Amino acid sequence: MQIRKGRHCAFDLHAHLVFSTKYRGKVFSGAHLTTLEGIFRSVCNDFEVELKEFNGESDHVHILINYPPKVQLTKLVNSLKGVSSRKMKQYHPELEPPAYLKNALW
């Protein structure tokens, strides 16, 4: 266990997040999961969050993060879901319907 330090605090906050595809559609392959991991790492870096673990299957992904107290989890989750949905559509156009039912991945 490594305790991270801020100016006025020491912390070790973790969250385990699971994102399921819309209607649990079987969408992802190995290449898609690799792209998603890169996107999630990029968003986490923007929020100064450490992505500890990433794992996924064809219809959902699991991430384990270590985050500072100044980060609001709701804003991080909104950003992770929004950015990943947009970028996956750009990088993998084959994920158009039925993967993007109602124009949403998550």
N, C-alpha and C. Protein backbone atom coordinates (compact mmCIF):
# COMPACT_ATOMS: atom_id res chain seq x y z
N MET A 1 0.84 -1.18 0.00
CA MET A 1 0.00 0.00 0.00
C MET A 1 0.89 1.24 0.00
N GLN A 2 0.67 2.10 -0.97
CA GLN A 2 1.44 3.34 -1.05
C GLN A 2 0.49 4.51 -0.79
N ILE A 3 0.79 5.27 0.24
CA ILE A 3 -0.04 6.42 0.57
C ILE A 3 0.45 7.62 -0.22
N ARG A 4 -0.46 8.22 -0.98
CA ARG A 4 -0.12 9.42 -1.75
C ARG A 4 -0.31 10.63 -0.85
N LYS A 5 0.45 11.67 -1.14
CA LYS A 5 0.39 12.87 -0.31
C LYS A 5 0.07 14.09 -1.15
N GLY A 6 -0.80 14.94 -0.58
CA GLY A 6 -1.10 16.24 -1.15
C GLY A 6 -0.49 17.30 -0.27
N ARG A 7 -0.86 18.54 -0.52
CA ARG A 7 -0.32 19.62 0.31
C ARG A 7 -0.73 19.50 1.77
N HIS A 8 -2.00 19.18 1.97
CA HIS A 8 -2.53 19.19 3.33
C HIS A 8 -3.12 17.85 3.76
N CYS A 9 -2.82 16.79 3.02
CA CYS A 9 -3.43 15.52 3.37
C CYS A 9 -2.60 14.34 2.85
N ALA A 10 -2.87 13.20 3.41
CA ALA A 10 -2.33 11.93 2.91
C ALA A 10 -3.54 11.05 2.62
N PHE A 11 -3.50 10.31 1.53
CA PHE A 11 -4.69 9.56 1.15
C PHE A 11 -4.34 8.29 0.40
N ASP A 12 -5.27 7.37 0.43
CA ASP A 12 -5.19 6.13 -0.33
C ASP A 12 -6.62 5.72 -0.69
N LEU A 13 -7.22 6.45 -1.62
CA LEU A 13 -8.61 6.23 -2.02
C LEU A 13 -8.65 5.40 -3.30
N HIS A 14 -9.41 4.33 -3.28
CA HIS A 14 -9.56 3.46 -4.45
C HIS A 14 -11.04 3.33 -4.79
N ALA A 15 -11.31 3.11 -6.07
CA ALA A 15 -12.67 2.82 -6.52
C ALA A 15 -12.59 1.75 -7.60
N HIS A 16 -13.52 0.83 -7.55
CA HIS A 16 -13.64 -0.21 -8.57
C HIS A 16 -14.88 0.14 -9.38
N LEU A 17 -14.69 0.47 -10.66
CA LEU A 17 -15.78 0.89 -11.53
C LEU A 17 -16.03 -0.18 -12.58
N VAL A 18 -17.30 -0.43 -12.87
CA VAL A 18 -17.70 -1.38 -13.91
C VAL A 18 -18.62 -0.64 -14.87
N PHE A 19 -18.26 -0.65 -16.15
CA PHE A 19 -19.09 -0.03 -17.19
C PHE A 19 -19.63 -1.13 -18.09
N SER A 20 -20.95 -1.21 -18.20
CA SER A 20 -21.59 -2.20 -19.08
C SER A 20 -22.04 -1.50 -20.35
N THR A 21 -21.97 -2.22 -21.46
CA THR A 21 -22.45 -1.65 -22.72
C THR A 21 -23.97 -1.55 -22.68
N LYS A 22 -24.50 -0.67 -23.52
CA LYS A 22 -25.95 -0.47 -23.58
C LYS A 22 -26.62 -1.81 -23.87
N TYR A 23 -27.59 -2.17 -23.07
CA TYR A 23 -28.34 -3.42 -23.19
C TYR A 23 -27.44 -4.65 -23.13
N ARG A 24 -26.27 -4.51 -22.53
CA ARG A 24 -25.28 -5.59 -22.38
C ARG A 24 -24.94 -6.24 -23.72
N GLY A 25 -24.92 -5.43 -24.78
CA GLY A 25 -24.57 -5.94 -26.10
C GLY A 25 -23.12 -6.41 -26.12
N LYS A 26 -22.87 -7.53 -26.77
CA LYS A 26 -21.51 -8.08 -26.88
C LYS A 26 -20.80 -7.33 -27.99
N VAL A 27 -19.99 -6.34 -27.62
CA VAL A 27 -19.44 -5.38 -28.57
C VAL A 27 -17.93 -5.50 -28.73
N PHE A 28 -17.20 -5.72 -27.65
CA PHE A 28 -15.75 -5.55 -27.64
C PHE A 28 -14.99 -6.82 -28.01
N SER A 29 -13.89 -6.60 -28.73
CA SER A 29 -12.90 -7.65 -29.00
C SER A 29 -11.60 -7.22 -28.32
N GLY A 30 -10.53 -7.96 -28.53
CA GLY A 30 -9.24 -7.63 -27.91
C GLY A 30 -8.72 -6.26 -28.33
N ALA A 31 -8.84 -5.93 -29.62
CA ALA A 31 -8.37 -4.63 -30.12
C ALA A 31 -9.17 -3.49 -29.51
N HIS A 32 -10.48 -3.69 -29.37
CA HIS A 32 -11.32 -2.65 -28.78
C HIS A 32 -10.94 -2.40 -27.32
N LEU A 33 -10.67 -3.48 -26.59
CA LEU A 33 -10.30 -3.33 -25.17
C LEU A 33 -8.96 -2.62 -25.02
N THR A 34 -8.03 -2.88 -25.93
CA THR A 34 -6.73 -2.20 -25.88
C THR A 34 -6.91 -0.70 -26.12
N THR A 35 -7.75 -0.35 -27.09
CA THR A 35 -8.03 1.07 -27.36
C THR A 35 -8.70 1.71 -26.16
N LEU A 36 -9.68 1.02 -25.58
CA LEU A 36 -10.39 1.56 -24.41
C LEU A 36 -9.44 1.81 -23.25
N GLU A 37 -8.51 0.90 -23.02
CA GLU A 37 -7.55 1.09 -21.93
C GLU A 37 -6.74 2.35 -22.14
N GLY A 38 -6.28 2.59 -23.36
CA GLY A 38 -5.53 3.81 -23.66
C GLY A 38 -6.35 5.07 -23.44
N ILE A 39 -7.62 5.03 -23.85
CA ILE A 39 -8.51 6.18 -23.66
C ILE A 39 -8.72 6.43 -22.17
N PHE A 40 -9.00 5.37 -21.41
CA PHE A 40 -9.21 5.53 -19.97
C PHE A 40 -7.96 6.07 -19.28
N ARG A 41 -6.78 5.59 -19.68
CA ARG A 41 -5.53 6.10 -19.08
C ARG A 41 -5.37 7.59 -19.36
N SER A 42 -5.69 8.01 -20.57
CA SER A 42 -5.58 9.42 -20.94
C SER A 42 -6.50 10.29 -20.08
N VAL A 43 -7.75 9.88 -19.94
CA VAL A 43 -8.71 10.64 -19.13
C VAL A 43 -8.26 10.66 -17.67
N CYS A 44 -7.80 9.53 -17.16
CA CYS A 44 -7.34 9.48 -15.77
C CYS A 44 -6.16 10.41 -15.55
N ASN A 45 -5.24 10.48 -16.50
CA ASN A 45 -4.10 11.40 -16.37
C ASN A 45 -4.58 12.84 -16.31
N ASP A 46 -5.60 13.19 -17.08
CA ASP A 46 -6.14 14.55 -17.04
C ASP A 46 -6.69 14.91 -15.66
N PHE A 47 -7.22 13.92 -14.95
CA PHE A 47 -7.80 14.14 -13.62
C PHE A 47 -6.79 13.87 -12.50
N GLU A 48 -5.53 13.56 -12.84
CA GLU A 48 -4.51 13.20 -11.86
C GLU A 48 -4.91 11.96 -11.06
N VAL A 49 -5.51 11.01 -11.77
CA VAL A 49 -5.96 9.75 -11.20
C VAL A 49 -5.08 8.64 -11.75
N GLU A 50 -4.75 7.67 -10.91
CA GLU A 50 -3.92 6.55 -11.33
C GLU A 50 -4.81 5.36 -11.68
N LEU A 51 -4.71 4.89 -12.91
CA LEU A 51 -5.44 3.69 -13.33
C LEU A 51 -4.59 2.49 -12.93
N LYS A 52 -5.02 1.78 -11.89
CA LYS A 52 -4.24 0.66 -11.35
C LYS A 52 -4.43 -0.62 -12.16
N GLU A 53 -5.68 -0.93 -12.50
CA GLU A 53 -5.97 -2.16 -13.24
C GLU A 53 -7.08 -1.91 -14.24
N PHE A 54 -7.01 -2.63 -15.35
CA PHE A 54 -8.04 -2.58 -16.39
C PHE A 54 -8.27 -4.00 -16.87
N ASN A 55 -9.52 -4.38 -16.99
CA ASN A 55 -9.87 -5.70 -17.50
C ASN A 55 -11.25 -5.61 -18.12
N GLY A 56 -11.51 -6.42 -19.12
CA GLY A 56 -12.81 -6.35 -19.74
C GLY A 56 -13.18 -7.61 -20.48
N GLU A 57 -14.45 -7.70 -20.82
CA GLU A 57 -14.98 -8.78 -21.63
C GLU A 57 -15.78 -8.15 -22.76
N SER A 58 -16.51 -8.96 -23.50
CA SER A 58 -17.19 -8.46 -24.68
C SER A 58 -18.32 -7.48 -24.37
N ASP A 59 -18.84 -7.49 -23.13
CA ASP A 59 -19.98 -6.62 -22.83
C ASP A 59 -19.77 -5.70 -21.62
N HIS A 60 -18.58 -5.70 -21.03
CA HIS A 60 -18.32 -4.79 -19.90
C HIS A 60 -16.82 -4.66 -19.65
N VAL A 61 -16.46 -3.60 -18.92
CA VAL A 61 -15.06 -3.40 -18.51
C VAL A 61 -15.02 -3.08 -17.02
N HIS A 62 -13.92 -3.48 -16.38
CA HIS A 62 -13.66 -3.18 -14.97
C HIS A 62 -12.42 -2.30 -14.92
N ILE A 63 -12.46 -1.26 -14.10
CA ILE A 63 -11.25 -0.48 -13.85
C ILE A 63 -11.11 -0.25 -12.35
N LEU A 64 -9.88 -0.25 -11.89
CA LEU A 64 -9.56 0.05 -10.50
C LEU A 64 -8.71 1.31 -10.52
N ILE A 65 -9.17 2.34 -9.80
CA ILE A 65 -8.46 3.62 -9.81
C ILE A 65 -8.05 4.01 -8.40
N ASN A 66 -7.00 4.81 -8.33
CA ASN A 66 -6.53 5.43 -7.10
C ASN A 66 -6.65 6.93 -7.36
N TYR A 67 -7.47 7.62 -6.57
CA TYR A 67 -7.76 9.02 -6.88
C TYR A 67 -7.56 9.93 -5.66
N PRO A 68 -7.25 11.21 -5.91
CA PRO A 68 -7.09 12.15 -4.81
C PRO A 68 -8.46 12.65 -4.33
N PRO A 69 -8.53 13.17 -3.10
CA PRO A 69 -9.80 13.63 -2.55
C PRO A 69 -10.43 14.79 -3.32
N LYS A 70 -9.63 15.54 -4.06
CA LYS A 70 -10.18 16.69 -4.78
C LYS A 70 -10.99 16.28 -6.01
N VAL A 71 -10.87 15.03 -6.44
CA VAL A 71 -11.58 14.55 -7.63
C VAL A 71 -12.98 14.08 -7.24
N GLN A 72 -13.99 14.60 -7.94
CA GLN A 72 -15.36 14.14 -7.73
C GLN A 72 -15.58 12.93 -8.63
N LEU A 73 -15.92 11.81 -8.03
CA LEU A 73 -16.08 10.58 -8.81
C LEU A 73 -17.14 10.72 -9.90
N THR A 74 -18.20 11.46 -9.63
CA THR A 74 -19.25 11.61 -10.64
C THR A 74 -18.72 12.30 -11.89
N LYS A 75 -17.90 13.32 -11.71
CA LYS A 75 -17.33 14.02 -12.87
C LYS A 75 -16.34 13.14 -13.61
N LEU A 76 -15.56 12.36 -12.87
CA LEU A 76 -14.61 11.45 -13.50
C LEU A 76 -15.36 10.39 -14.32
N VAL A 77 -16.40 9.80 -13.74
CA VAL A 77 -17.17 8.77 -14.45
C VAL A 77 -17.83 9.35 -15.69
N ASN A 78 -18.43 10.54 -15.57
CA ASN A 78 -19.05 11.19 -16.74
C ASN A 78 -18.03 11.40 -17.84
N SER A 79 -16.84 11.84 -17.48
CA SER A 79 -15.80 12.07 -18.46
C SER A 79 -15.31 10.77 -19.08
N LEU A 80 -15.09 9.75 -18.26
CA LEU A 80 -14.65 8.45 -18.77
C LEU A 80 -15.65 7.89 -19.78
N LYS A 81 -16.94 7.94 -19.44
CA LYS A 81 -17.95 7.38 -20.32
C LYS A 81 -18.13 8.21 -21.59
N GLY A 82 -18.16 9.53 -21.45
CA GLY A 82 -18.37 10.39 -22.61
C GLY A 82 -17.21 10.36 -23.59
N VAL A 83 -16.00 10.54 -23.08
CA VAL A 83 -14.81 10.57 -23.94
C VAL A 83 -14.60 9.21 -24.60
N SER A 84 -14.75 8.13 -23.83
CA SER A 84 -14.52 6.80 -24.42
C SER A 84 -15.55 6.49 -25.50
N SER A 85 -16.78 6.88 -25.30
CA SER A 85 -17.81 6.63 -26.31
C SER A 85 -17.51 7.38 -27.60
N ARG A 86 -17.15 8.65 -27.49
CA ARG A 86 -16.82 9.46 -28.68
C ARG A 86 -15.59 8.93 -29.41
N LYS A 87 -14.54 8.65 -28.65
CA LYS A 87 -13.28 8.22 -29.28
C LYS A 87 -13.38 6.81 -29.86
N MET A 88 -14.13 5.93 -29.22
CA MET A 88 -14.31 4.59 -29.78
C MET A 88 -15.05 4.68 -31.11
N LYS A 89 -15.98 5.60 -31.21
CA LYS A 89 -16.71 5.78 -32.47
C LYS A 89 -15.76 6.28 -33.56
N GLN A 90 -14.80 7.14 -33.19
CA GLN A 90 -13.82 7.65 -34.16
C GLN A 90 -12.83 6.57 -34.57
N TYR A 91 -12.26 5.87 -33.60
CA TYR A 91 -11.20 4.90 -33.87
C TYR A 91 -11.72 3.59 -34.47
N HIS A 92 -12.93 3.22 -34.13
CA HIS A 92 -13.50 1.95 -34.59
C HIS A 92 -14.89 2.19 -35.19
N PRO A 93 -14.94 2.68 -36.43
CA PRO A 93 -16.25 2.96 -37.04
C PRO A 93 -17.11 1.70 -37.20
N GLU A 94 -16.50 0.52 -37.14
CA GLU A 94 -17.29 -0.71 -37.26
C GLU A 94 -18.20 -0.92 -36.05
N LEU A 95 -18.03 -0.10 -35.01
CA LEU A 95 -18.88 -0.21 -33.82
C LEU A 95 -20.19 0.56 -33.97
N GLU A 96 -20.52 0.97 -35.17
CA GLU A 96 -21.83 1.60 -35.40
C GLU A 96 -22.92 0.59 -35.06
N PRO A 97 -24.19 0.96 -35.19
CA PRO A 97 -25.25 0.03 -34.79
C PRO A 97 -24.98 -1.38 -35.30
N PRO A 98 -25.26 -2.39 -34.52
CA PRO A 98 -26.06 -2.39 -33.30
C PRO A 98 -25.28 -2.07 -32.03
N ALA A 99 -23.96 -1.86 -32.11
CA ALA A 99 -23.19 -1.56 -30.90
C ALA A 99 -23.65 -0.25 -30.27
N TYR A 100 -23.89 0.75 -31.09
CA TYR A 100 -24.29 2.05 -30.58
C TYR A 100 -25.80 2.20 -30.65
N LEU A 101 -26.51 1.38 -29.92
CA LEU A 101 -27.96 1.51 -29.87
C LEU A 101 -28.32 2.84 -29.23
N LYS A 102 -29.23 3.54 -29.83
CA LYS A 102 -29.65 4.86 -29.34
C LYS A 102 -28.45 5.80 -29.24
N ASN A 103 -27.46 5.62 -30.13
CA ASN A 103 -26.29 6.49 -30.21
C ASN A 103 -25.50 6.56 -28.90
N ALA A 104 -25.46 5.47 -28.15
CA ALA A 104 -24.73 5.44 -26.88
C ALA A 104 -24.03 4.09 -26.73
N LEU A 105 -22.79 4.14 -26.28
CA LEU A 105 -22.04 2.91 -26.04
C LEU A 105 -22.34 2.36 -24.65
N TRP A 106 -22.44 3.24 -23.66
CA TRP A 106 -22.64 2.81 -22.27
C TRP A 106 -24.09 3.00 -21.85
